[in-house]
Amino acid sequence: MFSKLFGRKKNEVEGDFATPTHADFSFLKTDIHSHLIPGIDDGAQTIEDSITLIKEFQLLGYHGIITTPHIKSDYFPNTPEIINGGLKELREALSERSIDFPVRAAAEYYVDERFIEMLELGPLLTIRNNEVLIEFSFMFEPMNLNDILFKIQTKGYKPIIAHPERYNYYHQKPQVLRELRERGCLLQLNAIALTGYYGKGVKELAERLLQDGLYDYCGSDMHHLRHAEALRKITQIKAFATLCNYPFLNKNISF
């Protein structure tokens, strides 16, 4: 299905590359999607959890991270003040342990009515410049999405759609993702989707979007050690060389 929709022509992200023998993500430099601020969402629950995961990032070759706690009104009603307070605590803990690793914070905004209110009030926490990470329901396709994206863009922001391969309702109509990108959205891959971590359908769509050059960013979406373990196994996948040589925008981020 995907080959018919997107084609199988070679492009700049394919070729004959030497595949690394271990999981080294230094080619990305910066991870832009994780949940490391302790106790405020479904990621790290204690400061020691946060430190453990940051050590995993170091072992995986990352140079720094932008951690992105959920902002989701019904479950994780975080605010910039809560997030920045947690970031301060995390940085202090890193300093106390003499761990020199850059950490910034943004947010993963769940698109709902509360998000629209926050958009009107502003400012939002951004990944880079005016780029804001957003996510949708995994169960239901967002209603009035074009109107929402228009509001985001008229406020001066550029939406990064988190893990588009994981929205099952797009598996049967992946052309929507191409259309969203043409409308000015950026797409962010969850790297472990390529390993089959989220299932076969997610893996297939992630492979197709990667092959056709539709991703802009790559993220770990690190919540816990199981995600780190999945990242370490990524050398086993056929697409690893393509992943390593893909022109992700992560490397353009500076601290």
Protein backbone atom coordinates (compact mmCIF):
# COMPACT_ATOMS: atom_id res chain seq x y z
CA MET A 1 0.00 0.00 0.00
CA PHE A 2 2.69 2.48 1.01
CA SER A 3 4.83 1.83 -2.06
CA LYS A 4 1.88 2.63 -4.29
CA LEU A 5 1.16 5.88 -2.46
CA PHE A 6 4.69 7.17 -2.03
CA GLY A 7 6.71 5.36 -4.69
CA ARG A 8 10.01 3.56 -4.31
CA LYS A 9 12.35 5.92 -6.09
CA LYS A 10 15.77 6.65 -4.63
CA ASN A 11 16.34 10.04 -3.06
CA GLU A 12 18.93 11.82 -1.01
CA VAL A 13 18.29 9.72 2.11
CA GLU A 14 19.12 6.43 0.44
CA GLY A 15 22.35 4.94 -0.81
CA ASP A 16 25.16 2.58 0.03
CA PHE A 17 26.29 3.52 3.52
CA ALA A 18 28.53 1.76 6.02
CA THR A 19 26.22 0.63 8.79
CA PRO A 20 27.55 1.37 12.30
CA THR A 21 28.07 -1.69 14.46
CA HIS A 22 26.66 -0.14 17.64
CA ALA A 23 23.85 2.25 18.52
CA ASP A 24 25.54 5.61 18.21
CA PHE A 25 23.19 8.57 17.85
CA SER A 26 25.92 11.20 17.76
CA PHE A 27 24.82 11.99 14.19
CA LEU A 28 21.71 13.60 15.68
CA LYS A 29 23.62 15.51 18.37
CA THR A 30 20.43 16.57 20.18
CA ASP A 31 17.35 14.60 21.18
CA ILE A 32 14.19 16.71 20.99
CA HIS A 33 11.55 14.46 22.58
CA SER A 34 11.79 12.89 26.02
CA HIS A 35 10.12 12.87 29.43
CA LEU A 36 12.88 13.39 31.98
CA ILE A 37 11.62 15.98 34.44
CA PRO A 38 10.72 13.91 37.50
CA GLY A 39 7.20 13.36 38.73
CA ILE A 40 5.21 15.58 36.38
CA ASP A 41 4.09 13.13 33.69
CA ASP A 42 4.40 9.46 32.71
CA GLY A 43 8.18 9.59 32.29
CA ALA A 44 10.84 9.76 35.00
CA GLN A 45 9.27 9.67 38.45
CA THR A 46 12.28 10.51 40.62
CA ILE A 47 15.43 12.56 40.15
CA GLU A 48 17.40 9.31 40.16
CA ASP A 49 15.24 8.05 37.27
CA SER A 50 16.11 11.24 35.39
CA ILE A 51 19.83 10.86 36.05
CA THR A 52 19.75 7.20 34.96
CA LEU A 53 18.08 8.08 31.66
CA ILE A 54 20.46 10.96 31.01
CA LYS A 55 23.38 8.57 31.47
CA GLU A 56 21.74 6.36 28.85
CA PHE A 57 21.61 9.31 26.47
CA GLN A 58 25.33 9.86 27.02
CA LEU A 59 26.09 6.20 26.31
CA LEU A 60 24.04 6.43 23.12
CA GLY A 61 26.20 9.29 21.89
CA TYR A 62 23.85 12.26 22.25
CA HIS A 63 25.42 15.67 22.88
CA GLY A 64 22.41 17.18 24.63
CA ILE A 65 18.63 16.97 25.02
CA ILE A 66 15.51 19.07 24.92
CA THR A 67 13.14 17.28 27.25
CA THR A 68 9.43 17.67 26.55
CA PRO A 69 6.99 16.95 29.38
CA HIS A 70 3.39 16.37 28.44
CA ILE A 71 0.96 19.24 28.74
CA LYS A 72 -2.40 17.50 28.67
CA SER A 73 -5.21 19.07 30.66
CA ASP A 74 -6.99 15.91 31.85
CA TYR A 75 -3.86 14.03 32.91
CA PHE A 76 -0.78 16.26 33.08
CA PRO A 77 -1.87 19.89 33.56
CA ASN A 78 1.68 21.21 33.48
CA THR A 79 2.59 24.84 33.02
CA PRO A 80 5.80 26.55 31.93
CA GLU A 81 6.42 27.38 35.60
CA ILE A 82 6.15 23.72 36.65
CA ILE A 83 8.33 22.57 33.78
CA ASN A 84 11.01 25.21 34.30
CA GLY A 85 11.03 24.53 38.03
CA GLY A 86 11.61 20.86 37.35
CA LEU A 87 14.32 21.70 34.83
CA LYS A 88 16.13 23.78 37.47
CA GLU A 89 15.98 20.85 39.90
CA LEU A 90 17.31 18.47 37.25
CA ARG A 91 20.18 20.76 36.29
CA GLU A 92 21.15 21.15 39.92
CA ALA A 93 21.18 17.37 40.37
CA LEU A 94 23.41 16.99 37.30
CA SER A 95 25.79 19.63 38.63
CA GLU A 96 25.97 17.96 42.05
CA ARG A 97 27.00 14.73 40.34
CA SER A 98 29.50 16.47 38.05
CA ILE A 99 27.58 15.36 34.96
CA ASP A 100 28.28 17.82 32.17
CA PHE A 101 25.37 17.33 29.79
CA PRO A 102 23.24 20.14 28.32
CA VAL A 103 19.52 19.92 29.07
CA ARG A 104 16.80 22.31 27.96
CA ALA A 105 13.04 22.00 28.31
CA ALA A 106 10.13 22.57 25.97
CA ALA A 107 6.83 20.64 26.02
CA GLU A 108 4.75 18.10 24.15
CA TYR A 109 1.38 19.80 23.78
CA TYR A 110 -1.72 17.63 23.44
CA VAL A 111 -4.06 19.29 20.97
CA ASP A 112 -7.32 19.92 22.84
CA GLU A 113 -9.39 22.90 23.95
CA ARG A 114 -6.90 23.78 26.68
CA PHE A 115 -4.13 23.92 24.12
CA ILE A 116 -6.11 26.45 22.08
CA GLU A 117 -6.47 28.56 25.24
CA MET A 118 -2.72 28.37 25.89
CA LEU A 119 -2.06 29.28 22.27
CA GLU A 120 -4.14 32.43 22.67
CA LEU A 121 -2.45 33.39 25.95
CA GLY A 122 1.12 32.45 24.92
CA PRO A 123 3.99 32.18 24.84
CA LEU A 124 4.44 28.45 24.22
CA LEU A 125 7.55 26.44 25.06
CA THR A 126 9.39 25.77 21.81
CA ILE A 127 11.93 23.28 20.54
CA ARG A 128 13.89 25.65 18.31
CA ASN A 129 13.02 29.21 17.41
CA ASN A 130 9.23 29.13 16.82
CA GLU A 131 8.82 25.33 16.51
CA VAL A 132 6.34 23.74 18.91
CA LEU A 133 5.90 19.99 19.48
CA ILE A 134 2.28 18.80 19.35
CA GLU A 135 0.59 15.43 19.64
CA PHE A 136 -2.88 14.09 18.86
CA SER A 137 -5.16 11.45 20.34
CA PHE A 138 -4.05 7.91 19.52
CA MET A 139 -7.69 6.85 19.34
CA PHE A 140 -9.48 9.52 17.32
CA GLU A 141 -8.42 11.67 14.39
CA PRO A 142 -8.41 15.33 15.47
CA MET A 143 -11.42 17.33 14.39
CA ASN A 144 -10.98 20.69 12.68
CA LEU A 145 -7.24 20.01 12.36
CA ASN A 146 -6.78 22.43 9.48
CA ASP A 147 -8.35 25.22 11.54
CA ILE A 148 -6.12 24.38 14.52
CA LEU A 149 -2.98 24.36 12.40
CA PHE A 150 -4.00 27.70 10.90
CA LYS A 151 -4.34 29.18 14.40
CA ILE A 152 -0.94 27.83 15.40
CA GLN A 153 0.68 29.30 12.32
CA THR A 154 -1.06 32.67 12.56
CA LYS A 155 0.35 32.97 16.09
CA GLY A 156 3.80 32.67 14.56
CA TYR A 157 4.54 29.04 15.46
CA LYS A 158 5.59 26.13 13.29
CA PRO A 159 4.06 22.82 14.46
CA ILE A 160 6.18 19.70 14.82
CA ILE A 161 3.84 16.69 14.78
CA ALA A 162 5.14 14.11 17.24
CA HIS A 163 5.38 10.48 16.10
CA PRO A 164 2.93 10.65 13.14
CA GLU A 165 3.60 6.98 12.41
CA ARG A 166 1.83 6.03 15.65
CA TYR A 167 -1.58 7.46 14.72
CA ASN A 168 -3.31 4.34 13.43
CA TYR A 169 -6.04 6.31 11.68
CA TYR A 170 -3.40 7.57 9.24
CA HIS A 171 -2.20 4.07 8.36
CA GLN A 172 -4.97 3.71 5.81
CA LYS A 173 -4.54 7.24 4.45
CA PRO A 174 -0.87 8.18 4.86
CA GLN A 175 -1.24 10.80 2.14
CA VAL A 176 -2.68 13.04 4.88
CA LEU A 177 0.78 13.24 6.45
CA ARG A 178 2.29 14.40 3.18
CA GLU A 179 -0.46 17.02 2.95
CA LEU A 180 0.23 18.20 6.51
CA ARG A 181 3.89 18.62 5.68
CA GLU A 182 2.99 20.56 2.55
CA ARG A 183 0.92 22.84 4.80
CA GLY A 184 4.07 23.74 6.73
CA CYS A 185 4.09 21.14 9.50
CA LEU A 186 7.25 19.29 10.47
CA LEU A 187 7.16 15.56 11.22
CA GLN A 188 9.09 13.88 14.06
CA LEU A 189 10.00 10.20 13.98
CA ASN A 190 10.12 8.09 17.12
CA ALA A 191 13.32 6.17 16.33
CA ILE A 192 12.24 2.95 18.03
CA ALA A 193 9.19 2.76 15.77
CA LEU A 194 11.61 1.36 13.18
CA THR A 195 12.37 -1.61 15.45
CA GLY A 196 8.73 -2.73 15.63
CA TYR A 197 8.41 -1.56 19.24
CA TYR A 198 4.93 -0.16 18.57
CA GLY A 199 3.82 -2.87 16.15
CA LYS A 200 4.12 -3.85 12.50
CA GLY A 201 1.86 -1.18 11.03
CA VAL A 202 3.70 1.62 12.81
CA LYS A 203 7.04 0.21 11.67
CA GLU A 204 5.94 0.00 8.03
CA LEU A 205 4.67 3.56 7.93
CA ALA A 206 7.82 4.86 9.69
CA GLU A 207 9.99 3.10 7.11
CA ARG A 208 8.01 4.59 4.24
CA LEU A 209 8.04 8.13 5.62
CA LEU A 210 11.78 7.85 6.22
CA GLN A 211 12.48 6.47 2.76
CA ASP A 212 10.49 9.23 1.11
CA GLY A 213 12.17 11.99 3.06
CA LEU A 214 9.07 13.22 4.88
CA TYR A 215 10.55 13.36 8.38
CA ASP A 216 12.23 16.49 9.71
CA TYR A 217 13.21 15.52 13.25
CA CYS A 218 14.05 12.29 15.06
CA GLY A 219 13.27 11.79 18.75
CA SER A 220 13.67 9.07 21.33
CA ASP A 221 10.42 9.78 23.22
CA MET A 222 12.37 8.39 26.17
CA HIS A 223 10.18 7.62 29.18
CA HIS A 224 12.00 4.71 30.85
CA LEU A 225 14.78 2.17 30.46
CA ARG A 226 12.75 -0.03 28.12
CA HIS A 227 12.99 2.73 25.54
CA ALA A 228 16.76 2.92 26.03
CA GLU A 229 17.01 -0.83 25.54
CA ALA A 230 15.01 -0.56 22.30
CA LEU A 231 17.30 2.21 21.05
CA ARG A 232 20.35 0.02 21.70
CA LYS A 233 18.85 -2.66 19.43
CA ILE A 234 18.39 -0.31 16.52
CA THR A 235 21.56 -1.48 14.76
CA GLN A 236 19.69 -4.70 13.99
CA ILE A 237 17.24 -3.02 11.63
CA LYS A 238 17.67 -2.73 7.87
CA ALA A 239 16.94 0.99 7.92
CA PHE A 240 19.68 1.91 10.40
CA ALA A 241 22.17 3.12 7.78
CA THR A 242 19.46 5.27 6.19
CA LEU A 243 18.58 6.66 9.63
CA CYS A 244 22.20 7.57 10.32
CA ASN A 245 22.58 9.43 7.02
CA TYR A 246 19.20 11.17 6.96
CA PRO A 247 19.31 15.00 7.04
CA PHE A 248 17.44 15.44 10.31
CA LEU A 249 17.22 18.99 11.67
CA ASN A 250 18.32 17.90 15.16
CA LYS A 251 21.93 18.66 14.37
CA ASN A 252 21.08 22.34 13.79
CA ILE A 253 20.07 22.86 17.43
CA SER A 254 22.52 24.75 19.65
CA PHE A 255 22.53 25.27 23.40
